[in-house]
């Protein structure tokens, strides 16, 4: 497993990059939560964009992984709100590619600031690799601008 751990920060003595996972599909949310934890990430979850924004008031992740189509507040609204934060985390948007033209949602997500997109279904390894790349890039940017 060496070389596959995410970029890590010393946070209160614990080393872990933080991720907020957002999806209204409870089974997929639990699966992603387990996969990210096994990969060494600290995670929190939310079931829609509104709840994610509530979590973000006290939890400051390195990455937000959000579905696009959800009740109460969709991922597009969450992405727009997150990108207006003072120090926004990186964002991965995901959506199904069904007959409703959901691929267009992913294009909108990118246009509005998502740093990466994935079409459902995806392989968890693919998501973890993208997450690792984005978090490493985010850590490098913070170090270069923070000194």
C-alpha atoms as a PDB file:
ATOM      1  CA  UNK A   1       0.000   0.000   0.000  1.00  0.00           C
ATOM      2  CA  UNK A   2       2.955   2.370   0.201  1.00  0.00           C
ATOM      3  CA  UNK A   3       2.743   5.261  -2.211  1.00  0.00           C
ATOM      4  CA  UNK A   4      -1.056   5.047  -2.321  1.00  0.00           C
ATOM      5  CA  UNK A   5      -1.860   7.012   0.838  1.00  0.00           C
ATOM      6  CA  UNK A   6      -3.387  10.455   0.383  1.00  0.00           C
ATOM      7  CA  UNK A   7      -1.485  13.638   1.081  1.00  0.00           C
ATOM      8  CA  UNK A   8      -1.722  14.064   4.823  1.00  0.00           C
ATOM      9  CA  UNK A   9      -1.814  16.944   7.263  1.00  0.00           C
ATOM     10  CA  UNK A  10      -1.095  16.930  10.967  1.00  0.00           C
ATOM     11  CA  UNK A  11      -4.449  17.801  12.485  1.00  0.00           C
ATOM     12  CA  UNK A  12      -4.495  17.596  16.254  1.00  0.00           C
ATOM     13  CA  UNK A  13      -1.906  14.806  16.209  1.00  0.00           C
ATOM     14  CA  UNK A  14      -3.880  12.700  13.716  1.00  0.00           C
ATOM     15  CA  UNK A  15      -2.711  12.402  10.133  1.00  0.00           C
ATOM     16  CA  UNK A  16      -5.533  12.271   7.615  1.00  0.00           C
ATOM     17  CA  UNK A  17      -6.892  14.235   4.696  1.00  0.00           C
ATOM     18  CA  UNK A  18     -10.523  15.133   5.261  1.00  0.00           C
ATOM     19  CA  UNK A  19     -13.331  14.343   2.833  1.00  0.00           C
ATOM     20  CA  UNK A  20     -17.028  15.219   2.850  1.00  0.00           C
ATOM     21  CA  UNK A  21     -19.144  12.723   0.909  1.00  0.00           C
ATOM     22  CA  UNK A  22     -22.584  13.858  -0.303  1.00  0.00           C
ATOM     23  CA  UNK A  23     -25.185  11.564  -1.875  1.00  0.00           C
ATOM     24  CA  UNK A  24     -28.848  10.763  -1.289  1.00  0.00           C
ATOM     25  CA  UNK A  25     -28.269   7.063  -2.100  1.00  0.00           C
ATOM     26  CA  UNK A  26     -27.599   5.598   1.363  1.00  0.00           C
ATOM     27  CA  UNK A  27     -25.973   2.433  -0.013  1.00  0.00           C
ATOM     28  CA  UNK A  28     -23.548   4.309  -2.275  1.00  0.00           C
ATOM     29  CA  UNK A  29     -22.786   6.809   0.499  1.00  0.00           C
ATOM     30  CA  UNK A  30     -21.917   3.978   2.910  1.00  0.00           C
ATOM     31  CA  UNK A  31     -19.799   2.241   0.260  1.00  0.00           C
ATOM     32  CA  UNK A  32     -17.830   5.423  -0.498  1.00  0.00           C
ATOM     33  CA  UNK A  33     -17.436   6.171   3.225  1.00  0.00           C
ATOM     34  CA  UNK A  34     -15.974   2.717   3.839  1.00  0.00           C
ATOM     35  CA  UNK A  35     -13.647   2.953   0.821  1.00  0.00           C
ATOM     36  CA  UNK A  36     -12.306   6.388   1.786  1.00  0.00           C
ATOM     37  CA  UNK A  37     -11.782   5.332   5.412  1.00  0.00           C
ATOM     38  CA  UNK A  38      -9.930   2.170   4.326  1.00  0.00           C
ATOM     39  CA  UNK A  39      -7.737   4.380   2.120  1.00  0.00           C
ATOM     40  CA  UNK A  40      -6.760   6.460   5.156  1.00  0.00           C
ATOM     41  CA  UNK A  41      -9.089   9.449   4.884  1.00  0.00           C
ATOM     42  CA  UNK A  42     -11.158  11.039   7.652  1.00  0.00           C
ATOM     43  CA  UNK A  43     -14.731  11.347   6.386  1.00  0.00           C
ATOM     44  CA  UNK A  44     -18.066  12.934   7.096  1.00  0.00           C
ATOM     45  CA  UNK A  45     -21.256  12.375   5.126  1.00  0.00           C
ATOM     46  CA  UNK A  46     -24.357  14.327   4.130  1.00  0.00           C
ATOM     47  CA  UNK A  47     -27.464  13.250   2.216  1.00  0.00           C
ATOM     48  CA  UNK A  48     -27.983  16.424   0.151  1.00  0.00           C
ATOM     49  CA  UNK A  49     -26.411  19.774  -0.650  1.00  0.00           C
ATOM     50  CA  UNK A  50     -28.194  21.685   2.116  1.00  0.00           C
ATOM     51  CA  UNK A  51     -26.963  19.242   4.760  1.00  0.00           C
ATOM     52  CA  UNK A  52     -23.471  19.375   3.254  1.00  0.00           C
ATOM     53  CA  UNK A  53     -23.374  23.154   3.661  1.00  0.00           C
ATOM     54  CA  UNK A  54     -24.404  22.720   7.311  1.00  0.00           C
ATOM     55  CA  UNK A  55     -21.542  20.250   7.856  1.00  0.00           C
ATOM     56  CA  UNK A  56     -19.115  22.678   6.186  1.00  0.00           C
ATOM     57  CA  UNK A  57     -19.799  25.280   8.887  1.00  0.00           C
ATOM     58  CA  UNK A  58     -17.753  23.198  11.349  1.00  0.00           C
ATOM     59  CA  UNK A  59     -15.887  20.640   9.213  1.00  0.00           C
ATOM     60  CA  UNK A  60     -13.218  21.890   6.817  1.00  0.00           C
ATOM     61  CA  UNK A  61     -12.413  19.102   4.359  1.00  0.00           C
ATOM     62  CA  UNK A  62      -9.719  18.979   1.732  1.00  0.00           C
ATOM     63  CA  UNK A  63     -12.235  17.477  -0.707  1.00  0.00           C
ATOM     64  CA  UNK A  64     -16.003  17.334  -1.219  1.00  0.00           C
ATOM     65  CA  UNK A  65     -17.415  14.485  -3.318  1.00  0.00           C
ATOM     66  CA  UNK A  66     -20.990  15.300  -4.309  1.00  0.00           C
ATOM     67  CA  UNK A  67     -23.765  13.784  -6.334  1.00  0.00           C
ATOM     68  CA  UNK A  68     -25.605  16.213  -8.583  1.00  0.00           C
ATOM     69  CA  UNK A  69     -29.248  15.083  -8.441  1.00  0.00           C
ATOM     70  CA  UNK A  70     -30.491  15.106  -4.829  1.00  0.00           C
ATOM     71  CA  UNK A  71     -33.554  16.329  -2.920  1.00  0.00           C
ATOM     72  CA  UNK A  72     -33.697  19.656  -1.032  1.00  0.00           C
ATOM     73  CA  UNK A  73     -30.511  21.056  -2.608  1.00  0.00           C
ATOM     74  CA  UNK A  74     -28.802  19.560  -5.617  1.00  0.00           C
ATOM     75  CA  UNK A  75     -25.068  19.280  -6.077  1.00  0.00           C
ATOM     76  CA  UNK A  76     -24.949  22.205  -8.512  1.00  0.00           C
ATOM     77  CA  UNK A  77     -26.239  24.566  -5.811  1.00  0.00           C
ATOM     78  CA  UNK A  78     -23.787  23.121  -3.305  1.00  0.00           C
ATOM     79  CA  UNK A  79     -20.854  23.531  -5.721  1.00  0.00           C
ATOM     80  CA  UNK A  80     -21.771  27.172  -6.320  1.00  0.00           C
ATOM     81  CA  UNK A  81     -21.966  27.851  -2.560  1.00  0.00           C
ATOM     82  CA  UNK A  82     -18.742  25.978  -1.776  1.00  0.00           C
ATOM     83  CA  UNK A  83     -16.779  27.803  -4.477  1.00  0.00           C
ATOM     84  CA  UNK A  84     -17.735  31.111  -2.856  1.00  0.00           C
ATOM     85  CA  UNK A  85     -16.090  30.108   0.435  1.00  0.00           C
ATOM     86  CA  UNK A  86     -12.857  31.868   1.434  1.00  0.00           C
ATOM     87  CA  UNK A  87     -10.759  28.692   1.085  1.00  0.00           C
ATOM     88  CA  UNK A  88     -12.909  26.197  -0.810  1.00  0.00           C
ATOM     89  CA  UNK A  89     -12.000  22.521  -0.825  1.00  0.00           C
ATOM     90  CA  UNK A  90     -11.501  20.644  -4.068  1.00  0.00           C
ATOM     91  CA  UNK A  91     -14.731  19.163  -5.460  1.00  0.00           C
ATOM     92  CA  UNK A  92     -15.541  15.959  -7.329  1.00  0.00           C
ATOM     93  CA  UNK A  93     -19.031  15.914  -8.885  1.00  0.00           C
ATOM     94  CA  UNK A  94     -20.698  12.662  -9.880  1.00  0.00           C
ATOM     95  CA  UNK A  95     -23.906  11.840 -11.696  1.00  0.00           C
ATOM     96  CA  UNK A  96     -25.565   9.020 -13.556  1.00  0.00           C
ATOM     97  CA  UNK A  97     -25.509   9.054 -17.337  1.00  0.00           C
ATOM     98  CA  UNK A  98     -29.120   8.002 -17.840  1.00  0.00           C
ATOM     99  CA  UNK A  99     -31.584   8.915 -20.567  1.00  0.00           C
ATOM    100  CA  UNK A 100     -32.303  12.259 -18.870  1.00  0.00           C
ATOM    101  CA  UNK A 101     -29.042  13.680 -20.188  1.00  0.00           C
ATOM    102  CA  UNK A 102     -27.213  13.731 -16.860  1.00  0.00           C
ATOM    103  CA  UNK A 103     -23.851  14.016 -18.607  1.00  0.00           C
ATOM    104  CA  UNK A 104     -24.812  17.646 -19.161  1.00  0.00           C
ATOM    105  CA  UNK A 105     -25.010  18.020 -15.370  1.00  0.00           C
ATOM    106  CA  UNK A 106     -21.352  17.052 -15.143  1.00  0.00           C
ATOM    107  CA  UNK A 107     -20.444  19.661 -17.769  1.00  0.00           C
ATOM    108  CA  UNK A 108     -22.308  22.284 -15.737  1.00  0.00           C
ATOM    109  CA  UNK A 109     -20.558  21.102 -12.584  1.00  0.00           C
ATOM    110  CA  UNK A 110     -17.158  21.602 -14.245  1.00  0.00           C
ATOM    111  CA  UNK A 111     -18.224  24.991 -15.569  1.00  0.00           C
ATOM    112  CA  UNK A 112     -19.273  26.034 -12.048  1.00  0.00           C
ATOM    113  CA  UNK A 113     -16.022  24.924 -10.440  1.00  0.00           C
ATOM    114  CA  UNK A 114     -15.916  21.170  -9.877  1.00  0.00           C
ATOM    115  CA  UNK A 115     -12.274  20.075 -10.034  1.00  0.00           C
ATOM    116  CA  UNK A 116     -13.146  16.596 -11.270  1.00  0.00           C
ATOM    117  CA  UNK A 117     -16.209  14.694 -12.481  1.00  0.00           C
ATOM    118  CA  UNK A 118     -17.205  11.045 -12.582  1.00  0.00           C
ATOM    119  CA  UNK A 119     -20.093   9.381 -14.405  1.00  0.00           C
ATOM    120  CA  UNK A 120     -21.984   6.734 -12.464  1.00  0.00           C
ATOM    121  CA  UNK A 121     -21.340   3.896 -12.358  1.00  0.00           C
ATOM    122  CA  UNK A 122     -17.659   4.322 -11.563  1.00  0.00           C
ATOM    123  CA  UNK A 123     -15.009   2.149  -9.961  1.00  0.00           C
ATOM    124  CA  UNK A 124     -14.116   3.088  -6.388  1.00  0.00           C
ATOM    125  CA  UNK A 125     -10.445   2.823  -7.331  1.00  0.00           C
ATOM    126  CA  UNK A 126     -11.030   5.473 -10.002  1.00  0.00           C
ATOM    127  CA  UNK A 127     -12.649   7.808  -7.455  1.00  0.00           C
ATOM    128  CA  UNK A 128      -9.892   7.259  -4.894  1.00  0.00           C
ATOM    129  CA  UNK A 129      -7.205   7.938  -7.508  1.00  0.00           C
ATOM    130  CA  UNK A 130      -8.892  11.177  -8.576  1.00  0.00           C
ATOM    131  CA  UNK A 131      -9.345  12.188  -4.928  1.00  0.00           C
ATOM    132  CA  UNK A 132      -5.677  11.533  -4.185  1.00  0.00           C
ATOM    133  CA  UNK A 133      -4.576  13.584  -7.194  1.00  0.00           C
ATOM    134  CA  UNK A 134      -6.800  16.527  -6.264  1.00  0.00           C
ATOM    135  CA  UNK A 135      -5.840  16.515  -2.591  1.00  0.00           C
ATOM    136  CA  UNK A 136      -2.125  16.294  -3.402  1.00  0.00           C
ATOM    137  CA  UNK A 137      -2.521  19.201  -5.845  1.00  0.00           C
ATOM    138  CA  UNK A 138      -4.497  21.178  -3.223  1.00  0.00           C
ATOM    139  CA  UNK A 139      -1.819  20.558  -0.558  1.00  0.00           C
ATOM    140  CA  UNK A 140       0.921  21.661  -2.927  1.00  0.00           C
ATOM    141  CA  UNK A 141      -0.966  24.893  -3.704  1.00  0.00           C
ATOM    142  CA  UNK A 142      -1.508  25.617  -0.011  1.00  0.00           C
ATOM    143  CA  UNK A 143       2.186  25.138   0.742  1.00  0.00           C
ATOM    144  CA  UNK A 144       3.295  27.397  -2.107  1.00  0.00           C
ATOM    145  CA  UNK A 145       0.876  30.184  -1.176  1.00  0.00           C
ATOM    146  CA  UNK A 146       1.101  29.788   2.598  1.00  0.00           C
ATOM    147  CA  UNK A 147       4.815  30.471   3.012  1.00  0.00           C
END
